[in-house]
PDB file of N, CA and C in Angstrom:
ATOM      1  N   UNK A   1      47.075 249.844  87.531  1.00  0.00           N
ATOM      2  CA  UNK A   1      47.534 251.202  88.183  1.00  0.00           C
ATOM      3  C   UNK A   1      46.403 251.672  89.016  1.00  0.00           C
ATOM      4  N   UNK A   2      46.657 251.994  90.320  1.00  0.00           N
ATOM      5  CA  UNK A   2      45.606 252.458  91.238  1.00  0.00           C
ATOM      6  C   UNK A   2      45.704 253.817  91.564  1.00  0.00           C
ATOM      7  N   UNK A   3      46.882 254.483  91.354  1.00  0.00           N
ATOM      8  CA  UNK A   3      47.144 255.938  91.778  1.00  0.00           C
ATOM      9  C   UNK A   3      47.924 256.620  90.809  1.00  0.00           C
ATOM     10  N   UNK A   4      47.646 257.827  90.400  1.00  0.00           N
ATOM     11  CA  UNK A   4      48.463 258.649  89.561  1.00  0.00           C
ATOM     12  C   UNK A   4      48.589 260.016  90.404  1.00  0.00           C
ATOM     13  N   UNK A   5      49.844 260.448  90.591  1.00  0.00           N
ATOM     14  CA  UNK A   5      50.044 261.708  91.239  1.00  0.00           C
ATOM     15  C   UNK A   5      50.534 262.846  90.345  1.00  0.00           C
ATOM     16  N   UNK A   6      50.052 263.960  90.400  1.00  0.00           N
ATOM     17  CA  UNK A   6      50.390 265.149  89.531  1.00  0.00           C
ATOM     18  C   UNK A   6      51.023 266.147  90.529  1.00  0.00           C
ATOM     19  N   UNK A   7      52.015 266.639  90.017  1.00  0.00           N
ATOM     20  CA  UNK A   7      52.640 267.753  90.952  1.00  0.00           C
ATOM     21  C   UNK A   7      51.938 269.157  90.540  1.00  0.00           C
ATOM     22  N   UNK A   8      52.305 270.233  91.105  1.00  0.00           N
ATOM     23  CA  UNK A   8      51.607 271.439  90.964  1.00  0.00           C
ATOM     24  C   UNK A   8      51.559 271.958  89.619  1.00  0.00           C
ATOM     25  N   UNK A   9      52.437 271.569  88.645  1.00  0.00           N
ATOM     26  CA  UNK A   9      52.384 271.923  87.253  1.00  0.00           C
ATOM     27  C   UNK A   9      51.708 270.991  86.351  1.00  0.00           C
ATOM     28  N   UNK A  10      51.176 269.840  86.975  1.00  0.00           N
ATOM     29  CA  UNK A  10      50.466 268.907  86.267  1.00  0.00           C
ATOM     30  C   UNK A  10      51.284 267.855  85.542  1.00  0.00           C
ATOM     31  N   UNK A  11      52.545 267.706  85.815  1.00  0.00           N
ATOM     32  CA  UNK A  11      53.246 266.636  85.211  1.00  0.00           C
ATOM     33  C   UNK A  11      53.266 265.342  86.057  1.00  0.00           C
ATOM     34  N   UNK A  12      53.491 264.258  85.539  1.00  0.00           N
ATOM     35  CA  UNK A  12      53.412 262.994  86.346  1.00  0.00           C
ATOM     36  C   UNK A  12      54.770 262.958  87.101  1.00  0.00           C
ATOM     37  N   UNK A  13      54.672 262.611  88.368  1.00  0.00           N
ATOM     38  CA  UNK A  13      55.801 262.440  89.248  1.00  0.00           C
ATOM     39  C   UNK A  13      56.423 261.108  89.331  1.00  0.00           C
ATOM     40  N   UNK A  14      57.641 260.906  89.736  1.00  0.00           N
ATOM     41  CA  UNK A  14      58.255 259.669  90.071  1.00  0.00           C
ATOM     42  C   UNK A  14      58.146 259.197  91.483  1.00  0.00           C
ATOM     43  N   UNK A  15      57.400 259.898  92.324  1.00  0.00           N
ATOM     44  CA  UNK A  15      57.287 259.630  93.739  1.00  0.00           C
ATOM     45  C   UNK A  15      58.346 260.413  94.417  1.00  0.00           C
ATOM     46  N   UNK A  16      59.335 260.995  93.910  1.00  0.00           N
ATOM     47  CA  UNK A  16      60.338 261.878  94.614  1.00  0.00           C
ATOM     48  C   UNK A  16      60.906 262.940  93.617  1.00  0.00           C
ATOM     49  N   UNK A  17      61.162 264.029  94.042  1.00  0.00           N
ATOM     50  CA  UNK A  17      61.815 264.986  93.031  1.00  0.00           C
ATOM     51  C   UNK A  17      63.035 264.543  92.484  1.00  0.00           C
ATOM     52  N   UNK A  18      63.329 264.868  91.194  1.00  0.00           N
ATOM     53  CA  UNK A  18      64.569 264.703  90.662  1.00  0.00           C
ATOM     54  C   UNK A  18      64.827 265.665  89.556  1.00  0.00           C
ATOM     55  N   UNK A  19      66.093 265.912  89.268  1.00  0.00           N
ATOM     56  CA  UNK A  19      66.431 266.892  88.210  1.00  0.00           C
ATOM     57  C   UNK A  19      66.576 265.936  86.920  1.00  0.00           C
ATOM     58  N   UNK A  20      65.800 266.340  85.893  1.00  0.00           N
ATOM     59  CA  UNK A  20      65.840 265.641  84.706  1.00  0.00           C
ATOM     60  C   UNK A  20      66.611 266.264  83.546  1.00  0.00           C
ATOM     61  N   UNK A  21      66.878 267.592  83.735  1.00  0.00           N
ATOM     62  CA  UNK A  21      67.545 268.315  82.703  1.00  0.00           C
ATOM     63  C   UNK A  21      68.090 269.657  83.310  1.00  0.00           C
ATOM     64  N   UNK A  22      68.997 270.217  82.688  1.00  0.00           N
ATOM     65  CA  UNK A  22      69.553 271.494  83.207  1.00  0.00           C
ATOM     66  C   UNK A  22      70.180 272.097  81.923  1.00  0.00           C
ATOM     67  N   UNK A  23      70.411 273.478  81.982  1.00  0.00           N
ATOM     68  CA  UNK A  23      71.045 274.327  81.053  1.00  0.00           C
ATOM     69  C   UNK A  23      71.941 275.206  81.633  1.00  0.00           C
ATOM     70  N   UNK A  24      73.189 275.286  81.188  1.00  0.00           N
ATOM     71  CA  UNK A  24      74.197 276.151  81.703  1.00  0.00           C
ATOM     72  C   UNK A  24      74.277 277.341  80.727  1.00  0.00           C
ATOM     73  N   UNK A  25      74.066 278.517  81.207  1.00  0.00           N
ATOM     74  CA  UNK A  25      74.166 279.730  80.374  1.00  0.00           C
ATOM     75  C   UNK A  25      75.357 280.613  80.833  1.00  0.00           C
ATOM     76  N   UNK A  26      76.029 281.271  79.946  1.00  0.00           N
ATOM     77  CA  UNK A  26      77.076 282.037  80.278  1.00  0.00           C
ATOM     78  C   UNK A  26      76.642 283.558  80.206  1.00  0.00           C
ATOM     79  N   UNK A  27      77.102 284.416  81.256  1.00  0.00           N
ATOM     80  CA  UNK A  27      76.715 285.709  81.242  1.00  0.00           C
ATOM     81  C   UNK A  27      77.589 286.611  80.300  1.00  0.00           C
ATOM     82  N   UNK A  28      78.726 286.097  80.007  1.00  0.00           N
ATOM     83  CA  UNK A  28      79.505 286.962  79.165  1.00  0.00           C
ATOM     84  C   UNK A  28      79.437 286.355  77.638  1.00  0.00           C
ATOM     85  N   UNK A  29      79.731 287.238  76.783  1.00  0.00           N
ATOM     86  CA  UNK A  29      79.594 286.851  75.254  1.00  0.00           C
ATOM     87  C   UNK A  29      80.650 285.848  74.888  1.00  0.00           C
ATOM     88  N   UNK A  30      81.766 285.799  75.429  1.00  0.00           N
ATOM     89  CA  UNK A  30      82.866 284.819  74.981  1.00  0.00           C
ATOM     90  C   UNK A  30      82.549 283.495  75.550  1.00  0.00           C
ATOM     91  N   UNK A  31      81.690 283.200  76.437  1.00  0.00           N
ATOM     92  CA  UNK A  31      81.254 281.934  76.957  1.00  0.00           C
ATOM     93  C   UNK A  31      82.320 281.298  77.851  1.00  0.00           C
ATOM     94  N   UNK A  32      83.171 282.194  78.449  1.00  0.00           N
ATOM     95  CA  UNK A  32      84.293 281.705  79.377  1.00  0.00           C
ATOM     96  C   UNK A  32      83.848 281.656  80.780  1.00  0.00           C
ATOM     97  N   UNK A  33      82.576 281.237  81.096  1.00  0.00           N
ATOM     98  CA  UNK A  33      82.090 281.100  82.469  1.00  0.00           C
ATOM     99  C   UNK A  33      82.858 279.919  83.151  1.00  0.00           C
ATOM    100  N   UNK A  34      82.395 279.611  84.343  1.00  0.00           N
ATOM    101  CA  UNK A  34      83.006 278.525  85.060  1.00  0.00           C
ATOM    102  C   UNK A  34      82.655 277.123  84.440  1.00  0.00           C
ATOM    103  N   UNK A  35      83.480 276.203  84.684  1.00  0.00           N
ATOM    104  CA  UNK A  35      83.311 274.903  84.231  1.00  0.00           C
ATOM    105  C   UNK A  35      82.217 274.361  84.798  1.00  0.00           C
ATOM    106  N   UNK A  36      81.607 273.281  84.054  1.00  0.00           N
ATOM    107  CA  UNK A  36      80.459 272.478  84.653  1.00  0.00           C
ATOM    108  C   UNK A  36      80.892 271.892  86.006  1.00  0.00           C
ATOM    109  N   UNK A  37      82.015 271.285  86.163  1.00  0.00           N
ATOM    110  CA  UNK A  37      82.458 270.761  87.426  1.00  0.00           C
ATOM    111  C   UNK A  37      82.434 271.759  88.557  1.00  0.00           C
ATOM    112  N   UNK A  38      82.913 272.899  88.300  1.00  0.00           N
ATOM    113  CA  UNK A  38      82.872 273.952  89.215  1.00  0.00           C
ATOM    114  C   UNK A  38      81.545 274.416  89.653  1.00  0.00           C
ATOM    115  N   UNK A  39      80.678 274.571  88.609  1.00  0.00           N
ATOM    116  CA  UNK A  39      79.334 275.018  88.864  1.00  0.00           C
ATOM    117  C   UNK A  39      78.590 273.993  89.681  1.00  0.00           C
ATOM    118  N   UNK A  40      78.700 272.690  89.304  1.00  0.00           N
ATOM    119  CA  UNK A  40      77.947 271.630  90.140  1.00  0.00           C
ATOM    120  C   UNK A  40      78.614 271.646  91.620  1.00  0.00           C
ATOM    121  N   UNK A  41      79.828 271.938  91.727  1.00  0.00           N
ATOM    122  CA  UNK A  41      80.318 271.962  93.113  1.00  0.00           C
ATOM    123  C   UNK A  41      79.762 273.161  93.889  1.00  0.00           C
ATOM    124  N   UNK A  42      79.505 274.266  93.273  1.00  0.00           N
ATOM    125  CA  UNK A  42      78.910 275.302  93.905  1.00  0.00           C
ATOM    126  C   UNK A  42      77.500 275.126  94.152  1.00  0.00           C
ATOM    127  N   UNK A  43      76.603 274.590  93.170  1.00  0.00           N
ATOM    128  CA  UNK A  43      75.233 274.213  93.417  1.00  0.00           C
ATOM    129  C   UNK A  43      75.011 273.202  94.447  1.00  0.00           C
ATOM    130  N   UNK A  44      75.920 272.077  94.353  1.00  0.00           N
ATOM    131  CA  UNK A  44      75.734 271.116  95.344  1.00  0.00           C
ATOM    132  C   UNK A  44      76.081 271.581  96.877  1.00  0.00           C
ATOM    133  N   UNK A  45      76.993 272.472  96.913  1.00  0.00           N
ATOM    134  CA  UNK A  45      77.334 273.030  98.285  1.00  0.00           C
ATOM    135  C   UNK A  45      76.315 273.984  98.714  1.00  0.00           C
ATOM    136  N   UNK A  46      75.713 274.721  97.862  1.00  0.00           N
ATOM    137  CA  UNK A  46      74.569 275.634  98.286  1.00  0.00           C
ATOM    138  C   UNK A  46      73.462 274.807  98.797  1.00  0.00           C
ATOM    139  N   UNK A  47      73.171 273.701  98.333  1.00  0.00           N
ATOM    140  CA  UNK A  47      71.982 272.968  98.630  1.00  0.00           C
ATOM    141  C   UNK A  47      72.226 271.872  99.574  1.00  0.00           C
ATOM    142  N   UNK A  48      73.482 271.565  99.929  1.00  0.00           N
ATOM    143  CA  UNK A  48      73.882 270.319 100.681  1.00  0.00           C
ATOM    144  C   UNK A  48      73.165 270.309 102.139  1.00  0.00           C
ATOM    145  N   UNK A  49      73.033 271.470 102.737  1.00  0.00           N
ATOM    146  CA  UNK A  49      72.498 271.383 104.114  1.00  0.00           C
ATOM    147  C   UNK A  49      70.917 271.455 104.085  1.00  0.00           C
ATOM    148  N   UNK A  50      70.277 271.599 102.810  1.00  0.00           N
ATOM    149  CA  UNK A  50      68.869 271.689 102.773  1.00  0.00           C
ATOM    150  C   UNK A  50      68.253 270.315 103.020  1.00  0.00           C
ATOM    151  N   UNK A  51      67.137 270.325 103.776  1.00  0.00           N
ATOM    152  CA  UNK A  51      66.224 269.183 104.005  1.00  0.00           C
ATOM    153  C   UNK A  51      65.079 269.128 103.102  1.00  0.00           C
ATOM    154  N   UNK A  52      64.990 270.102 102.247  1.00  0.00           N
ATOM    155  CA  UNK A  52      63.889 270.152 101.321  1.00  0.00           C
ATOM    156  C   UNK A  52      64.092 269.206 100.264  1.00  0.00           C
ATOM    157  N   UNK A  53      63.018 268.399  99.791  1.00  0.00           N
ATOM    158  CA  UNK A  53      63.178 267.401  98.758  1.00  0.00           C
ATOM    159  C   UNK A  53      63.692 267.864  97.482  1.00  0.00           C
ATOM    160  N   UNK A  54      63.471 269.213  97.128  1.00  0.00           N
ATOM    161  CA  UNK A  54      64.007 269.782  95.880  1.00  0.00           C
ATOM    162  C   UNK A  54      65.485 270.027  96.093  1.00  0.00           C
ATOM    163  N   UNK A  55      65.926 270.414  97.220  1.00  0.00           N
ATOM    164  CA  UNK A  55      67.405 270.651  97.544  1.00  0.00           C
ATOM    165  C   UNK A  55      68.141 269.280  97.513  1.00  0.00           C
ATOM    166  N   UNK A  56      67.481 268.250  98.017  1.00  0.00           N
ATOM    167  CA  UNK A  56      68.116 267.005  97.912  1.00  0.00           C
ATOM    168  C   UNK A  56      68.331 266.351  96.496  1.00  0.00           C
ATOM    169  N   UNK A  57      67.279 266.731  95.714  1.00  0.00           N
ATOM    170  CA  UNK A  57      67.420 266.303  94.240  1.00  0.00           C
ATOM    171  C   UNK A  57      68.456 267.047  93.518  1.00  0.00           C
ATOM    172  N   UNK A  58      68.670 268.328  93.886  1.00  0.00           N
ATOM    173  CA  UNK A  58      69.628 269.089  93.225  1.00  0.00           C
ATOM    174  C   UNK A  58      70.983 268.521  93.606  1.00  0.00           C
ATOM    175  N   UNK A  59      71.227 268.228  94.941  1.00  0.00           N
ATOM    176  CA  UNK A  59      72.523 267.751  95.398  1.00  0.00           C
ATOM    177  C   UNK A  59      72.814 266.418  94.789  1.00  0.00           C
ATOM    178  N   UNK A  60      71.830 265.597  94.588  1.00  0.00           N
ATOM    179  CA  UNK A  60      72.009 264.256  94.001  1.00  0.00           C
ATOM    180  C   UNK A  60      72.485 264.416  92.488  1.00  0.00           C
ATOM    181  N   UNK A  61      71.735 265.272  91.782  1.00  0.00           N
ATOM    182  CA  UNK A  61      72.128 265.551  90.397  1.00  0.00           C
ATOM    183  C   UNK A  61      73.626 266.097  90.354  1.00  0.00           C
ATOM    184  N   UNK A  62      73.952 267.064  91.277  1.00  0.00           N
ATOM    185  CA  UNK A  62      75.331 267.572  91.139  1.00  0.00           C
ATOM    186  C   UNK A  62      76.322 266.591  91.437  1.00  0.00           C
ATOM    187  N   UNK A  63      76.094 265.570  92.278  1.00  0.00           N
ATOM    188  CA  UNK A  63      77.067 264.512  92.576  1.00  0.00           C
ATOM    189  C   UNK A  63      77.275 263.688  91.274  1.00  0.00           C
ATOM    190  N   UNK A  64      75.953 263.340  90.638  1.00  0.00           N
ATOM    191  CA  UNK A  64      76.047 262.555  89.395  1.00  0.00           C
ATOM    192  C   UNK A  64      76.923 263.204  88.349  1.00  0.00           C
ATOM    193  N   UNK A  65      76.548 264.596  88.098  1.00  0.00           N
ATOM    194  CA  UNK A  65      77.364 265.176  87.016  1.00  0.00           C
ATOM    195  C   UNK A  65      78.748 265.411  87.331  1.00  0.00           C
ATOM    196  N   UNK A  66      79.099 265.677  88.608  1.00  0.00           N
ATOM    197  CA  UNK A  66      80.522 265.816  88.846  1.00  0.00           C
ATOM    198  C   UNK A  66      81.261 264.502  88.717  1.00  0.00           C
ATOM    199  N   UNK A  67      80.627 263.419  89.051  1.00  0.00           N
ATOM    200  CA  UNK A  67      81.304 262.109  88.804  1.00  0.00           C
ATOM    201  C   UNK A  67      81.501 261.855  87.434  1.00  0.00           C
ATOM    202  N   UNK A  68      80.573 262.189  86.554  1.00  0.00           N
ATOM    203  CA  UNK A  68      80.733 261.944  85.106  1.00  0.00           C
ATOM    204  C   UNK A  68      81.667 262.852  84.515  1.00  0.00           C
ATOM    205  N   UNK A  69      81.751 264.201  84.945  1.00  0.00           N
ATOM    206  CA  UNK A  69      82.722 265.036  84.404  1.00  0.00           C
ATOM    207  C   UNK A  69      84.180 264.751  84.823  1.00  0.00           C
ATOM    208  N   UNK A  70      84.343 264.329  85.977  1.00  0.00           N
ATOM    209  CA  UNK A  70      85.634 264.066  86.505  1.00  0.00           C
ATOM    210  C   UNK A  70      86.289 263.006  85.816  1.00  0.00           C
TER     211      UNK A  70
END
């Protein structure tokens, strides 16, 4: 190994940003929020036009999750 890159939080990176985990929380007590499929559609759409590497990572994860859920 010749190079180790740390991001601003000190964690080891994989060379490009990626979403490794997510948590969906419901605002109401009954837990009847939107479905995961719908949420990922909204999140992916919001970030779709982004050229920022973090936005690209979010869109990629949204597409992966929507494919698995469908």
